């Protein structure tokens, strides 16, 4: 749940809430961990999603086309940020890769109940190389960001996303 704070005279309000950050540490090297995840997710750009939606004649047509890119895990990578590509300039030599990933068909199950859910979908995952050669996988539990008010349908949809993310973790990490 959240607490609302009004900022007077500025036409804005703030909501204080608590997100839940999860870190999973494994002894497997980061390249192998990322490869395990890549084997379970598809690849789709934001532009391709928009293009498919605009060309589709109906919701069923859009979803049928989108499903061609969505594997059993239910997730596709939309974008990656390779922090490890620029951090060495600052003497930080460890690999660090951030994914923006999700599924537009799942996203709509939350956005229909609260348009602000779009701030937190797609979801994010951070792979960080550990100094000992292992890997840390960090993410925020989606429902802890998405469902901050008393909105049972939104919470139910966000919890289904939590479950899909957990299933991906178990599938990739064991």
C-alpha atoms as a PDB file:
ATOM      1  CA  UNK A   1       0.000   0.000   0.000  1.00  0.00           C
ATOM      2  CA  UNK A   2       1.050   3.582  -0.466  1.00  0.00           C
ATOM      3  CA  UNK A   3       0.803   6.816   1.406  1.00  0.00           C
ATOM      4  CA  UNK A   4      -0.196   9.954  -0.526  1.00  0.00           C
ATOM      5  CA  UNK A   5       1.642  13.191   0.036  1.00  0.00           C
ATOM      6  CA  UNK A   6       0.364  16.432  -1.492  1.00  0.00           C
ATOM      7  CA  UNK A   7       2.857  19.048  -2.632  1.00  0.00           C
ATOM      8  CA  UNK A   8       1.023  22.343  -2.328  1.00  0.00           C
ATOM      9  CA  UNK A   9       0.865  24.768  -5.205  1.00  0.00           C
ATOM     10  CA  UNK A  10       2.682  22.520  -7.634  1.00  0.00           C
ATOM     11  CA  UNK A  11      -0.164  20.371  -8.971  1.00  0.00           C
ATOM     12  CA  UNK A  12       1.525  17.138  -8.073  1.00  0.00           C
ATOM     13  CA  UNK A  13       1.192  14.427  -5.485  1.00  0.00           C
ATOM     14  CA  UNK A  14       3.634  11.856  -4.258  1.00  0.00           C
ATOM     15  CA  UNK A  15       3.019   8.278  -3.238  1.00  0.00           C
ATOM     16  CA  UNK A  16       5.419   6.683  -0.822  1.00  0.00           C
ATOM     17  CA  UNK A  17       5.559   2.915  -1.141  1.00  0.00           C
ATOM     18  CA  UNK A  18       7.926   0.038  -0.505  1.00  0.00           C
ATOM     19  CA  UNK A  19       9.393  -1.942  -3.383  1.00  0.00           C
ATOM     20  CA  UNK A  20      10.942  -5.346  -2.799  1.00  0.00           C
ATOM     21  CA  UNK A  21      14.391  -5.849  -4.355  1.00  0.00           C
ATOM     22  CA  UNK A  22      15.530  -9.444  -4.811  1.00  0.00           C
ATOM     23  CA  UNK A  23      19.145 -10.483  -5.354  1.00  0.00           C
ATOM     24  CA  UNK A  24      19.910 -14.049  -6.374  1.00  0.00           C
ATOM     25  CA  UNK A  25      23.571 -14.986  -6.167  1.00  0.00           C
ATOM     26  CA  UNK A  26      24.975 -17.950  -8.041  1.00  0.00           C
ATOM     27  CA  UNK A  27      28.495 -19.293  -8.360  1.00  0.00           C
ATOM     28  CA  UNK A  28      28.082 -19.710 -12.127  1.00  0.00           C
ATOM     29  CA  UNK A  29      29.880 -17.108 -14.247  1.00  0.00           C
ATOM     30  CA  UNK A  30      27.808 -14.285 -15.659  1.00  0.00           C
ATOM     31  CA  UNK A  31      28.198 -15.253 -19.332  1.00  0.00           C
ATOM     32  CA  UNK A  32      26.738 -18.695 -18.626  1.00  0.00           C
ATOM     33  CA  UNK A  33      23.919 -17.255 -16.521  1.00  0.00           C
ATOM     34  CA  UNK A  34      22.968 -14.743 -19.217  1.00  0.00           C
ATOM     35  CA  UNK A  35      23.096 -17.542 -21.817  1.00  0.00           C
ATOM     36  CA  UNK A  36      20.675 -19.616 -19.718  1.00  0.00           C
ATOM     37  CA  UNK A  37      18.236 -16.705 -19.570  1.00  0.00           C
ATOM     38  CA  UNK A  38      18.643 -15.870 -23.280  1.00  0.00           C
ATOM     39  CA  UNK A  39      17.736 -19.470 -24.138  1.00  0.00           C
ATOM     40  CA  UNK A  40      14.386 -18.967 -22.385  1.00  0.00           C
ATOM     41  CA  UNK A  41      13.303 -15.558 -23.666  1.00  0.00           C
ATOM     42  CA  UNK A  42      12.511 -14.128 -27.068  1.00  0.00           C
ATOM     43  CA  UNK A  43      13.576 -10.877 -28.632  1.00  0.00           C
ATOM     44  CA  UNK A  44      11.286  -8.090 -29.782  1.00  0.00           C
ATOM     45  CA  UNK A  45      11.780  -4.352 -30.117  1.00  0.00           C
ATOM     46  CA  UNK A  46       9.387  -1.729 -28.807  1.00  0.00           C
ATOM     47  CA  UNK A  47       9.055  -0.443 -32.379  1.00  0.00           C
ATOM     48  CA  UNK A  48       8.057  -3.918 -33.595  1.00  0.00           C
ATOM     49  CA  UNK A  49       5.338  -4.173 -30.936  1.00  0.00           C
ATOM     50  CA  UNK A  50       3.898  -0.812 -31.957  1.00  0.00           C
ATOM     51  CA  UNK A  51       4.102  -1.721 -35.636  1.00  0.00           C
ATOM     52  CA  UNK A  52       2.316  -5.047 -35.035  1.00  0.00           C
ATOM     53  CA  UNK A  53      -0.404  -3.315 -33.034  1.00  0.00           C
ATOM     54  CA  UNK A  54      -0.963  -0.668 -35.705  1.00  0.00           C
ATOM     55  CA  UNK A  55      -1.129  -3.230 -38.521  1.00  0.00           C
ATOM     56  CA  UNK A  56      -3.384  -5.658 -36.658  1.00  0.00           C
ATOM     57  CA  UNK A  57      -7.066  -5.671 -37.554  1.00  0.00           C
ATOM     58  CA  UNK A  58      -8.068  -6.759 -34.057  1.00  0.00           C
ATOM     59  CA  UNK A  59      -6.755  -7.616 -30.610  1.00  0.00           C
ATOM     60  CA  UNK A  60      -6.750 -11.289 -31.627  1.00  0.00           C
ATOM     61  CA  UNK A  61      -4.641 -10.490 -34.705  1.00  0.00           C
ATOM     62  CA  UNK A  62      -2.167  -8.487 -32.620  1.00  0.00           C
ATOM     63  CA  UNK A  63      -1.868 -11.175 -29.961  1.00  0.00           C
ATOM     64  CA  UNK A  64      -1.496 -13.910 -32.575  1.00  0.00           C
ATOM     65  CA  UNK A  65       1.362 -12.025 -34.230  1.00  0.00           C
ATOM     66  CA  UNK A  66       3.034 -11.140 -30.913  1.00  0.00           C
ATOM     67  CA  UNK A  67       2.893 -14.759 -29.727  1.00  0.00           C
ATOM     68  CA  UNK A  68       5.155 -15.724 -32.641  1.00  0.00           C
ATOM     69  CA  UNK A  69       7.977 -13.983 -30.752  1.00  0.00           C
ATOM     70  CA  UNK A  70       7.046 -15.022 -27.209  1.00  0.00           C
ATOM     71  CA  UNK A  71       8.469 -18.358 -26.029  1.00  0.00           C
ATOM     72  CA  UNK A  72       7.128 -20.629 -23.295  1.00  0.00           C
ATOM     73  CA  UNK A  73       8.602 -18.416 -20.534  1.00  0.00           C
ATOM     74  CA  UNK A  74       6.230 -15.657 -21.631  1.00  0.00           C
ATOM     75  CA  UNK A  75       9.017 -13.070 -21.871  1.00  0.00           C
ATOM     76  CA  UNK A  76      10.893 -11.205 -24.568  1.00  0.00           C
ATOM     77  CA  UNK A  77      13.850  -8.869 -24.247  1.00  0.00           C
ATOM     78  CA  UNK A  78      12.957  -5.422 -25.546  1.00  0.00           C
ATOM     79  CA  UNK A  79      16.285  -3.771 -24.861  1.00  0.00           C
ATOM     80  CA  UNK A  80      19.615  -4.222 -23.110  1.00  0.00           C
ATOM     81  CA  UNK A  81      21.954  -1.746 -21.483  1.00  0.00           C
ATOM     82  CA  UNK A  82      25.511  -3.011 -21.257  1.00  0.00           C
ATOM     83  CA  UNK A  83      26.899  -0.983 -18.366  1.00  0.00           C
ATOM     84  CA  UNK A  84      29.973  -3.202 -18.573  1.00  0.00           C
ATOM     85  CA  UNK A  85      30.729  -1.578 -21.916  1.00  0.00           C
ATOM     86  CA  UNK A  86      31.443   1.829 -20.389  1.00  0.00           C
ATOM     87  CA  UNK A  87      32.200   1.217 -16.704  1.00  0.00           C
ATOM     88  CA  UNK A  88      35.832   0.171 -17.352  1.00  0.00           C
ATOM     89  CA  UNK A  89      36.521   3.819 -18.276  1.00  0.00           C
ATOM     90  CA  UNK A  90      36.035   4.496 -14.547  1.00  0.00           C
ATOM     91  CA  UNK A  91      38.132   1.566 -13.396  1.00  0.00           C
ATOM     92  CA  UNK A  92      35.095  -0.646 -12.763  1.00  0.00           C
ATOM     93  CA  UNK A  93      35.916  -3.764 -14.732  1.00  0.00           C
ATOM     94  CA  UNK A  94      33.099  -6.094 -13.759  1.00  0.00           C
ATOM     95  CA  UNK A  95      30.379  -7.031 -16.257  1.00  0.00           C
ATOM     96  CA  UNK A  96      26.989  -5.426 -15.648  1.00  0.00           C
ATOM     97  CA  UNK A  97      24.012  -5.956 -17.982  1.00  0.00           C
ATOM     98  CA  UNK A  98      20.496  -4.585 -17.598  1.00  0.00           C
ATOM     99  CA  UNK A  99      17.501  -6.018 -19.434  1.00  0.00           C
ATOM    100  CA  UNK A 100      14.147  -4.404 -20.116  1.00  0.00           C
ATOM    101  CA  UNK A 101      11.894  -7.353 -20.776  1.00  0.00           C
ATOM    102  CA  UNK A 102       8.305  -8.427 -20.545  1.00  0.00           C
ATOM    103  CA  UNK A 103       5.298  -9.213 -22.674  1.00  0.00           C
ATOM    104  CA  UNK A 104       2.778  -6.721 -24.086  1.00  0.00           C
ATOM    105  CA  UNK A 105      -0.050  -9.246 -23.691  1.00  0.00           C
ATOM    106  CA  UNK A 106       0.736  -9.520 -19.970  1.00  0.00           C
ATOM    107  CA  UNK A 107       1.332  -5.769 -19.597  1.00  0.00           C
ATOM    108  CA  UNK A 108      -2.178  -4.922 -20.742  1.00  0.00           C
ATOM    109  CA  UNK A 109      -3.651  -7.114 -17.968  1.00  0.00           C
ATOM    110  CA  UNK A 110      -2.272  -4.538 -15.496  1.00  0.00           C
ATOM    111  CA  UNK A 111      -2.431  -1.304 -17.476  1.00  0.00           C
ATOM    112  CA  UNK A 112      -6.177  -1.814 -18.051  1.00  0.00           C
ATOM    113  CA  UNK A 113      -6.674  -1.578 -14.260  1.00  0.00           C
ATOM    114  CA  UNK A 114      -4.295   1.359 -13.733  1.00  0.00           C
ATOM    115  CA  UNK A 115      -2.561   3.247 -16.556  1.00  0.00           C
ATOM    116  CA  UNK A 116       0.338   4.091 -14.216  1.00  0.00           C
ATOM    117  CA  UNK A 117       1.284   0.395 -14.224  1.00  0.00           C
ATOM    118  CA  UNK A 118       2.951   1.299 -17.536  1.00  0.00           C
ATOM    119  CA  UNK A 119       5.699   2.979 -15.515  1.00  0.00           C
ATOM    120  CA  UNK A 120       6.877  -0.444 -14.330  1.00  0.00           C
ATOM    121  CA  UNK A 121       6.248  -2.639 -17.357  1.00  0.00           C
ATOM    122  CA  UNK A 122       8.326  -3.808 -19.010  1.00  0.00           C
ATOM    123  CA  UNK A 123      10.198  -5.099 -15.995  1.00  0.00           C
ATOM    124  CA  UNK A 124      13.939  -4.960 -15.432  1.00  0.00           C
ATOM    125  CA  UNK A 125      16.637  -7.435 -14.555  1.00  0.00           C
ATOM    126  CA  UNK A 126      20.280  -6.707 -13.750  1.00  0.00           C
ATOM    127  CA  UNK A 127      23.053  -9.255 -14.193  1.00  0.00           C
ATOM    128  CA  UNK A 128      26.194  -8.288 -12.275  1.00  0.00           C
ATOM    129  CA  UNK A 129      29.489 -10.127 -12.318  1.00  0.00           C
ATOM    130  CA  UNK A 130      30.707 -10.920  -8.812  1.00  0.00           C
ATOM    131  CA  UNK A 131      34.362 -10.423  -7.865  1.00  0.00           C
ATOM    132  CA  UNK A 132      34.546 -14.161  -7.084  1.00  0.00           C
ATOM    133  CA  UNK A 133      33.534 -15.012 -10.661  1.00  0.00           C
ATOM    134  CA  UNK A 134      29.889 -15.701  -9.899  1.00  0.00           C
ATOM    135  CA  UNK A 135      26.859 -13.663 -10.829  1.00  0.00           C
ATOM    136  CA  UNK A 136      24.170 -11.686  -9.013  1.00  0.00           C
ATOM    137  CA  UNK A 137      20.749 -11.337 -10.609  1.00  0.00           C
ATOM    138  CA  UNK A 138      18.819  -8.378  -9.229  1.00  0.00           C
ATOM    139  CA  UNK A 139      15.217  -7.352  -9.834  1.00  0.00           C
ATOM    140  CA  UNK A 140      12.329  -5.697  -8.070  1.00  0.00           C
ATOM    141  CA  UNK A 141       9.242  -7.836  -7.443  1.00  0.00           C
ATOM    142  CA  UNK A 142       6.850  -6.371 -10.022  1.00  0.00           C
ATOM    143  CA  UNK A 143       3.760  -6.323  -7.802  1.00  0.00           C
ATOM    144  CA  UNK A 144       5.640  -4.296  -5.168  1.00  0.00           C
ATOM    145  CA  UNK A 145       5.968  -1.476  -7.722  1.00  0.00           C
ATOM    146  CA  UNK A 146       2.781  -1.872  -9.734  1.00  0.00           C
ATOM    147  CA  UNK A 147       0.037  -2.499  -7.161  1.00  0.00           C
ATOM    148  CA  UNK A 148       0.546   0.154  -4.494  1.00  0.00           C
ATOM    149  CA  UNK A 149      -3.089   1.110  -3.948  1.00  0.00           C
ATOM    150  CA  UNK A 150      -6.184  -0.866  -2.985  1.00  0.00           C
ATOM    151  CA  UNK A 151      -6.903  -2.311  -6.430  1.00  0.00           C
ATOM    152  CA  UNK A 152      -7.605  -6.058  -6.231  1.00  0.00           C
ATOM    153  CA  UNK A 153      -7.746  -6.743 -10.014  1.00  0.00           C
ATOM    154  CA  UNK A 154      -4.440  -4.918 -10.526  1.00  0.00           C
ATOM    155  CA  UNK A 155      -2.817  -6.778  -7.642  1.00  0.00           C
ATOM    156  CA  UNK A 156      -4.022 -10.120  -9.006  1.00  0.00           C
ATOM    157  CA  UNK A 157      -2.596  -9.366 -12.460  1.00  0.00           C
ATOM    158  CA  UNK A 158       0.693  -8.115 -10.990  1.00  0.00           C
ATOM    159  CA  UNK A 159       0.993 -11.243  -8.825  1.00  0.00           C
ATOM    160  CA  UNK A 160       0.605 -13.383 -11.952  1.00  0.00           C
ATOM    161  CA  UNK A 161       3.560 -11.454 -13.385  1.00  0.00           C
ATOM    162  CA  UNK A 162       5.507 -12.126 -10.166  1.00  0.00           C
ATOM    163  CA  UNK A 163       4.777 -15.834 -10.608  1.00  0.00           C
ATOM    164  CA  UNK A 164       5.923 -15.836 -14.251  1.00  0.00           C
ATOM    165  CA  UNK A 165       9.144 -14.070 -13.265  1.00  0.00           C
ATOM    166  CA  UNK A 166       9.768 -16.573 -10.479  1.00  0.00           C
ATOM    167  CA  UNK A 167       9.157 -19.433 -12.926  1.00  0.00           C
ATOM    168  CA  UNK A 168      11.765 -17.928 -15.263  1.00  0.00           C
ATOM    169  CA  UNK A 169      14.238 -17.689 -12.356  1.00  0.00           C
ATOM    170  CA  UNK A 170      13.688 -21.319 -11.395  1.00  0.00           C
ATOM    171  CA  UNK A 171      13.920 -22.478 -14.997  1.00  0.00           C
ATOM    172  CA  UNK A 172      17.171 -20.606 -15.665  1.00  0.00           C
ATOM    173  CA  UNK A 173      18.865 -21.035 -12.297  1.00  0.00           C
ATOM    174  CA  UNK A 174      17.467 -24.332 -11.050  1.00  0.00           C
END
